[in-house]
Structure formats: C-alpha cells, structure tokens
Protein backbone atom coordinates (compact mmCIF):
# COMPACT_ATOMS: atom_id res chain seq x y z
CA MET A 1 -178.06 87.41 59.14
CA LEU A 2 -179.36 88.87 55.88
CA TYR A 3 -181.67 91.27 57.68
CA LYS A 4 -178.85 92.37 59.94
CA SER A 5 -176.68 93.15 56.91
CA LEU A 6 -179.48 95.10 55.25
CA PHE A 7 -180.15 97.06 58.42
CA LEU A 8 -176.47 97.92 58.84
CA LEU A 9 -176.26 98.91 55.18
CA VAL A 10 -179.25 101.27 55.37
CA PHE A 11 -178.37 102.61 58.81
CA ALA A 12 -174.71 103.12 57.97
CA ASN A 13 -175.57 104.69 54.60
CA MET A 14 -177.14 107.73 56.30
CA PHE A 15 -174.04 108.27 58.40
CA ASN A 16 -171.71 107.50 55.48
CA GLN A 17 -173.17 110.53 53.72
CA ALA A 18 -172.90 112.71 56.84
CA TYR A 19 -169.27 111.75 57.51
CA GLN A 20 -168.38 111.27 53.82
CA MET A 21 -167.42 107.65 54.43
CA GLN A 22 -167.01 105.57 51.29
CA THR A 23 -167.83 101.92 50.88
CA ILE A 24 -164.87 99.60 51.10
CA THR A 25 -163.79 98.26 47.73
CA CYS A 26 -160.94 95.86 47.18
CA PRO A 27 -158.96 95.06 44.07
CA LYS A 28 -158.41 91.48 43.01
CA TRP A 29 -154.69 90.94 42.98
CA VAL A 30 -152.70 88.49 40.92
CA PRO A 31 -151.63 85.88 43.50
CA GLY A 32 -148.20 86.62 44.94
CA THR A 33 -147.89 90.08 43.34
CA ASN A 34 -149.18 93.62 43.75
CA GLU A 35 -150.67 93.70 40.23
CA VAL A 36 -154.44 93.89 39.80
CA LEU A 37 -156.15 91.10 37.86
CA PRO A 38 -157.26 92.03 34.36
CA ALA A 39 -161.00 92.28 33.71
CA GLY A 40 -162.67 88.95 33.02
CA VAL A 41 -160.12 86.86 34.91
CA THR A 42 -161.45 84.90 37.86
CA LEU A 43 -159.71 83.23 40.75
CA SER A 44 -160.25 79.77 42.18
CA PRO A 45 -162.30 79.72 45.42
CA GLU A 46 -159.15 79.14 47.49
CA LEU A 47 -157.30 82.06 45.87
CA GLU A 48 -160.42 84.21 46.14
CA LEU A 49 -160.52 83.61 49.90
CA LYS A 50 -156.81 84.42 50.19
CA ASN A 51 -157.44 87.61 48.19
CA ARG A 52 -160.21 88.64 50.59
CA VAL A 53 -158.03 88.00 53.63
CA ARG A 54 -155.27 90.08 52.03
CA CYS A 55 -157.82 92.81 51.33
CA TYR A 56 -158.90 92.77 54.97
CA CYS A 57 -155.30 93.20 56.12
CA GLU A 58 -154.17 95.73 53.51
CA VAL A 59 -157.34 97.73 52.78
CA VAL A 60 -160.10 97.25 55.36
CA LEU A 61 -158.06 97.64 58.57
CA PRO A 62 -156.16 100.74 57.34
CA GLN A 63 -159.48 102.32 56.29
CA GLU A 64 -160.90 101.60 59.74
CA ARG A 65 -157.85 103.21 61.37
CA GLY A 66 -158.19 106.22 59.05
CA CYS A 67 -161.87 106.45 59.86
CA LEU A 68 -161.09 106.55 63.57
CA ALA A 69 -158.30 109.08 63.00
CA ASN A 70 -160.82 111.39 61.26
CA ASN A 71 -162.87 111.49 64.48
CA VAL A 72 -165.79 109.55 63.02
CA PRO A 73 -167.70 107.82 65.83
CA LYS A 74 -166.09 104.50 66.66
CA ASN A 75 -169.31 102.51 66.35
CA LEU A 76 -169.77 103.66 62.73
CA CYS A 77 -166.23 102.69 61.76
CA LYS A 78 -166.57 99.32 63.47
CA ALA A 79 -170.00 98.73 61.90
CA ARG A 80 -168.64 99.41 58.41
CA THR A 81 -165.79 96.96 59.01
CA ALA A 82 -168.15 94.37 60.49
CA ALA A 83 -170.49 94.69 57.51
CA TRP A 84 -167.55 94.14 55.13
CA VAL A 85 -166.42 91.08 57.09
CA GLU A 86 -169.94 89.63 57.13
CA ASP A 87 -170.35 90.18 53.39
CA ASN A 88 -166.92 88.90 52.36
CA LEU A 89 -165.50 86.50 54.95
CA MET A 90 -168.46 84.72 56.54
CA LEU A 91 -169.57 81.26 55.44
CA ARG A 92 -172.44 81.39 52.98
CA GLU A 93 -173.95 78.00 53.83
CA ASN A 94 -176.19 77.53 56.84
CA PHE A 95 -174.85 74.57 58.74
CA ARG A 96 -177.54 72.87 60.75
CA GLN A 97 -176.98 71.40 64.17
CA VAL A 98 -177.90 67.74 64.18
CA GLN A 99 -179.94 66.80 67.23
CA ALA A 100 -179.35 63.06 67.10
CA PRO A 101 -176.16 61.30 66.10
CA ALA A 102 -176.16 59.63 62.71
CA PRO A 103 -176.82 55.90 62.87
CA LEU A 104 -173.82 53.67 62.42
CA PRO A 105 -173.86 51.42 59.38
CA GLN A 106 -174.55 47.71 59.93
CA ARG A 107 -171.49 45.59 59.33
CA ASP A 108 -171.24 41.82 59.37
CA ARG A 109 -168.22 40.42 61.14
CA MET A 110 -167.05 36.87 61.38
CA ILE A 111 -165.68 35.80 64.71
CA ASN A 112 -163.89 32.55 65.31
CA ILE A 113 -164.74 30.96 68.63
CA GLU A 114 -162.74 27.98 69.81
CA PRO A 115 -164.29 25.52 72.24
C-alpha cells in the first residue's frame, strides 16, 4: 500500500506540473461551524475523522469535478482523488486474517443430576 502511494505520488507529480494540478489541501474546521481551527489546536480522533469526511465532500469532490471540467484526463483526476482517500481515509493498522479460530476459555460448570 505504501509503495502504491509513493508510485502514484511520483507518477501524478509529473502530470500535475503539466496540467498545473495542485495537491489537495484541507482546512481543519471548528466542529459544527465554517471557521478554521486556530494554529496549535488539535481535534480528537473522532472529530478528526469527521473533519476528513467533510473535507472529502466539500473540497476533494469539487476539485475532482473541476479537474474533469478543465479537460484533464480522467485517470489523472481519479488518481489524485484516490491518493487523497488512501492517505486520509484508509485504516492505518494492518489487520491480520486469523487462520484458526481462537480457543475458547475453559470454564467449570456444576450440573445437578438427579437419580
């Protein structure tokens, strides 16, 4: 995944210069408003994720539409959007597939048996 991002970054950078495409940058908004956060203020992880989703809807998608409207090849516009999504919205942790189910814990149970 990292190599794919680096490849897209280098490959897209050549075409960004040719088509004068700029990298996508998003402001960090104060939650629930249109004001930008002051410098040095950080958001909780949950609010950070909401901010990124808002950025995708309000900044990334309109830039992709504008890119396509400027007759830039569709694959370049889509690659720039995909690179932004991979960098900002994908899970960072590598979740491993477990081959065998986890063993169940041993529990002692008392059972009453009547004759």
